[in-house]
Amino acid sequence: MRVKVDQQRCIGSANCTAIAPTAFEMDARGKSAVRDATSVSEDKLREAAELCPTDAIILEDDAGRRLYP
């Protein structure tokens, strides 16, 4: 699974870092960034994406097809 954060949509709520602190981190601008998506389960990545208030976390399969949102 590929994970991306749309920096334009991110408002820095930090829900993702609370749910998956090894997978996401907040950058110097207070926006989420992918740290190590392989450090957590796909279920945990999906939970983080679903709880993002702006749908800034994008999940794709290995072929690049969007899974969420």
C-alpha atoms as a PDB file:
ATOM      1  CA  MET A   1       0.000   0.000   0.000  1.00  0.00           C
ATOM      2  CA  ARG A   2       1.180   3.498  -0.841  1.00  0.00           C
ATOM      3  CA  VAL A   3       0.393   6.395   1.466  1.00  0.00           C
ATOM      4  CA  LYS A   4       0.520  10.080   0.587  1.00  0.00           C
ATOM      5  CA  VAL A   5      -0.464  13.268   2.368  1.00  0.00           C
ATOM      6  CA  ASP A   6      -1.982  16.080   0.325  1.00  0.00           C
ATOM      7  CA  GLN A   7      -0.220  19.048   1.899  1.00  0.00           C
ATOM      8  CA  GLN A   8      -2.761  21.470   0.422  1.00  0.00           C
ATOM      9  CA  ARG A   9      -5.621  19.739   2.239  1.00  0.00           C
ATOM     10  CA  CYS A  10      -3.863  19.030   5.547  1.00  0.00           C
ATOM     11  CA  ILE A  11      -4.867  21.371   8.384  1.00  0.00           C
ATOM     12  CA  GLY A  12      -2.543  19.838  10.969  1.00  0.00           C
ATOM     13  CA  SER A  13      -5.173  18.231  13.193  1.00  0.00           C
ATOM     14  CA  ALA A  14      -2.617  15.509  14.064  1.00  0.00           C
ATOM     15  CA  ASN A  15      -5.249  12.760  14.226  1.00  0.00           C
ATOM     16  CA  CYS A  16      -2.975  10.615  12.067  1.00  0.00           C
ATOM     17  CA  THR A  17      -0.007  10.964  14.409  1.00  0.00           C
ATOM     18  CA  ALA A  18      -2.194  10.082  17.381  1.00  0.00           C
ATOM     19  CA  ILE A  19      -3.445   6.932  15.626  1.00  0.00           C
ATOM     20  CA  ALA A  20      -0.199   5.873  13.946  1.00  0.00           C
ATOM     21  CA  PRO A  21       2.748   7.808  15.418  1.00  0.00           C
ATOM     22  CA  THR A  22       5.366   5.654  13.717  1.00  0.00           C
ATOM     23  CA  ALA A  23       3.730   6.077  10.303  1.00  0.00           C
ATOM     24  CA  PHE A  24       3.088   9.837  10.380  1.00  0.00           C
ATOM     25  CA  GLU A  25       4.826  12.896  11.772  1.00  0.00           C
ATOM     26  CA  MET A  26       4.176  16.606  11.800  1.00  0.00           C
ATOM     27  CA  ASP A  27       6.590  18.643   9.704  1.00  0.00           C
ATOM     28  CA  ALA A  28       8.055  22.076  10.488  1.00  0.00           C
ATOM     29  CA  ARG A  29       4.957  23.755   9.016  1.00  0.00           C
ATOM     30  CA  GLY A  30       2.619  21.789  11.269  1.00  0.00           C
ATOM     31  CA  LYS A  31       1.410  19.558   8.450  1.00  0.00           C
ATOM     32  CA  SER A  32       1.323  15.783   8.404  1.00  0.00           C
ATOM     33  CA  ALA A  33       3.973  13.848   6.515  1.00  0.00           C
ATOM     34  CA  VAL A  34       4.481  10.151   5.956  1.00  0.00           C
ATOM     35  CA  ARG A  35       7.250   8.861   8.192  1.00  0.00           C
ATOM     36  CA  ASP A  36       7.205   5.061   7.767  1.00  0.00           C
ATOM     37  CA  ALA A  37       3.973   3.607   6.447  1.00  0.00           C
ATOM     38  CA  THR A  38       5.344   0.082   6.727  1.00  0.00           C
ATOM     39  CA  SER A  39       5.564   0.396  10.517  1.00  0.00           C
ATOM     40  CA  VAL A  40       1.826  -0.153  11.025  1.00  0.00           C
ATOM     41  CA  SER A  41      -0.881  -2.389   9.599  1.00  0.00           C
ATOM     42  CA  GLU A  42      -2.961  -1.433   6.585  1.00  0.00           C
ATOM     43  CA  ASP A  43      -5.972  -1.352   8.911  1.00  0.00           C
ATOM     44  CA  LYS A  44      -4.248   1.283  11.038  1.00  0.00           C
ATOM     45  CA  LEU A  45      -3.382   3.342   7.935  1.00  0.00           C
ATOM     46  CA  ARG A  46      -7.004   3.171   6.806  1.00  0.00           C
ATOM     47  CA  GLU A  47      -8.182   4.241  10.267  1.00  0.00           C
ATOM     48  CA  ALA A  48      -5.861   7.247  10.152  1.00  0.00           C
ATOM     49  CA  ALA A  49      -7.073   8.158   6.661  1.00  0.00           C
ATOM     50  CA  GLU A  50     -10.732   7.809   7.599  1.00  0.00           C
ATOM     51  CA  LEU A  51     -10.312  10.004  10.684  1.00  0.00           C
ATOM     52  CA  CYS A  52      -8.539  12.780   8.802  1.00  0.00           C
ATOM     53  CA  PRO A  53     -11.043  15.672   8.847  1.00  0.00           C
ATOM     54  CA  THR A  54     -10.016  16.910   5.395  1.00  0.00           C
ATOM     55  CA  ASP A  55      -9.336  13.576   3.651  1.00  0.00           C
ATOM     56  CA  ALA A  56      -5.714  14.636   3.174  1.00  0.00           C
ATOM     57  CA  ILE A  57      -4.380  11.090   3.574  1.00  0.00           C
ATOM     58  CA  ILE A  58      -4.470   9.199   0.296  1.00  0.00           C
ATOM     59  CA  LEU A  59      -4.194   5.431   0.185  1.00  0.00           C
ATOM     60  CA  GLU A  60      -3.282   3.648  -3.048  1.00  0.00           C
ATOM     61  CA  ASP A  61      -2.645   0.048  -3.919  1.00  0.00           C
ATOM     62  CA  ASP A  62       0.755  -0.975  -5.256  1.00  0.00           C
ATOM     63  CA  ALA A  63      -0.403  -0.317  -8.821  1.00  0.00           C
ATOM     64  CA  GLY A  64      -1.292   3.287  -7.945  1.00  0.00           C
ATOM     65  CA  ARG A  65      -5.074   2.841  -7.875  1.00  0.00           C
ATOM     66  CA  ARG A  66      -6.717   5.005  -5.245  1.00  0.00           C
ATOM     67  CA  LEU A  67      -8.258   3.073  -2.359  1.00  0.00           C
ATOM     68  CA  TYR A  68      -9.182   6.054  -0.162  1.00  0.00           C
ATOM     69  CA  PRO A  69     -10.700   8.644  -0.315  1.00  0.00           C
END
